[in-house]
Amino acid sequence: MKALQAGAYIKHFQYGLGVVTESDSERTSIDFDLHGAKKFVTSIMVVEPAEGTPPKRARAKRKKKVAAVAPVPVLVAAAK
């Protein structure tokens, strides 16, 4: 099997429906609807084109930058 086009909607016998995220002659990465991202050896994977359009996926959320807070000095009473 040759490389698949990124964004292609495919069906795998074990993992179900997914979207090709990367593919070349050696490796193919697919993000499955129910099983997440998986990597395959392109020459031996068994997939077929899926009907319909892939569901919309949520974008990864960016982490908010937290302002640096100065440490609070701790006062210790001296023992007499």
Protein backbone atom coordinates (compact mmCIF):
# COMPACT_ATOMS: atom_id res chain seq x y z
CA MET A 1 0.00 0.00 0.00
CA LYS A 2 1.27 3.47 -0.78
CA ALA A 3 1.04 6.57 1.38
CA LEU A 4 -2.42 7.99 2.06
CA GLN A 5 -3.42 11.62 1.79
CA ALA A 6 -3.49 13.50 5.10
CA GLY A 7 -7.07 14.26 6.08
CA ALA A 8 -8.48 11.12 4.40
CA TYR A 9 -11.33 9.47 6.32
CA ILE A 10 -10.71 5.73 6.59
CA LYS A 11 -12.10 2.58 8.23
CA HIS A 12 -9.91 0.01 10.02
CA PHE A 13 -11.23 -3.45 10.87
CA GLN A 14 -10.19 -3.21 14.55
CA TYR A 15 -10.16 0.50 15.44
CA GLY A 16 -13.06 1.74 13.31
CA LEU A 17 -13.25 5.17 11.70
CA GLY A 18 -10.37 7.65 11.73
CA VAL A 19 -8.57 10.47 9.95
CA VAL A 20 -5.09 10.11 8.45
CA THR A 21 -2.81 12.68 10.11
CA GLU A 22 0.52 11.75 8.48
CA SER A 23 1.52 9.18 5.89
CA ASP A 24 4.62 8.26 3.90
CA SER A 25 5.92 5.06 2.30
CA GLU A 26 7.06 3.68 5.68
CA ARG A 27 4.64 4.86 8.41
CA THR A 28 1.07 6.12 8.63
CA SER A 29 -0.50 7.88 11.62
CA ILE A 30 -4.27 7.77 12.05
CA ASP A 31 -6.38 9.54 14.68
CA PHE A 32 -9.33 7.22 15.38
CA ASP A 33 -12.68 8.51 16.62
CA LEU A 34 -12.86 6.13 19.60
CA HIS A 35 -9.30 4.87 20.08
CA GLY A 36 -7.11 7.96 19.60
CA ALA A 37 -3.91 8.18 17.59
CA LYS A 38 -2.22 5.01 16.28
CA LYS A 39 0.80 4.40 14.03
CA PHE A 40 1.00 1.68 11.37
CA VAL A 41 3.55 0.26 8.95
CA THR A 42 2.16 1.58 5.67
CA SER A 43 3.02 -1.47 3.56
CA ILE A 44 1.06 -3.94 5.73
CA MET A 45 -1.86 -1.92 7.15
CA VAL A 46 -5.37 -2.82 6.02
CA VAL A 47 -7.76 0.12 5.69
CA GLU A 48 -10.51 1.17 3.32
CA PRO A 49 -12.04 4.55 2.51
CA ALA A 50 -14.94 5.50 4.80
CA GLU A 51 -18.17 7.07 3.66
CA GLY A 52 -19.23 10.46 4.93
CA THR A 53 -17.19 13.20 6.52
CA PRO A 54 -15.11 12.97 9.68
CA PRO A 55 -16.58 14.48 12.86
CA LYS A 56 -15.26 17.85 14.00
CA ARG A 57 -12.44 17.43 16.48
CA ALA A 58 -11.79 19.75 19.40
CA ARG A 59 -8.56 21.67 19.12
CA ALA A 60 -5.95 21.22 21.79
CA LYS A 61 -6.36 23.87 24.45
CA ARG A 62 -3.48 26.20 25.08
CA LYS A 63 -2.15 26.49 28.57
CA LYS A 64 -2.62 29.93 30.07
CA LYS A 65 0.48 31.69 31.23
CA VAL A 66 0.43 32.28 34.96
CA ALA A 67 2.08 35.44 36.22
CA ALA A 68 5.04 34.80 38.46
CA VAL A 69 4.26 35.47 42.09
CA ALA A 70 6.98 36.63 44.45
CA PRO A 71 7.54 34.28 47.37
CA VAL A 72 6.02 35.38 50.67
CA PRO A 73 8.64 35.86 53.40
CA VAL A 74 8.07 33.69 56.44
CA LEU A 75 8.77 35.33 59.80
CA VAL A 76 10.20 33.06 62.46
CA ALA A 77 10.20 34.22 66.06
CA ALA A 78 13.59 33.88 67.68
CA ALA A 79 13.67 31.63 70.73
CA LYS A 80 15.11 33.20 73.90
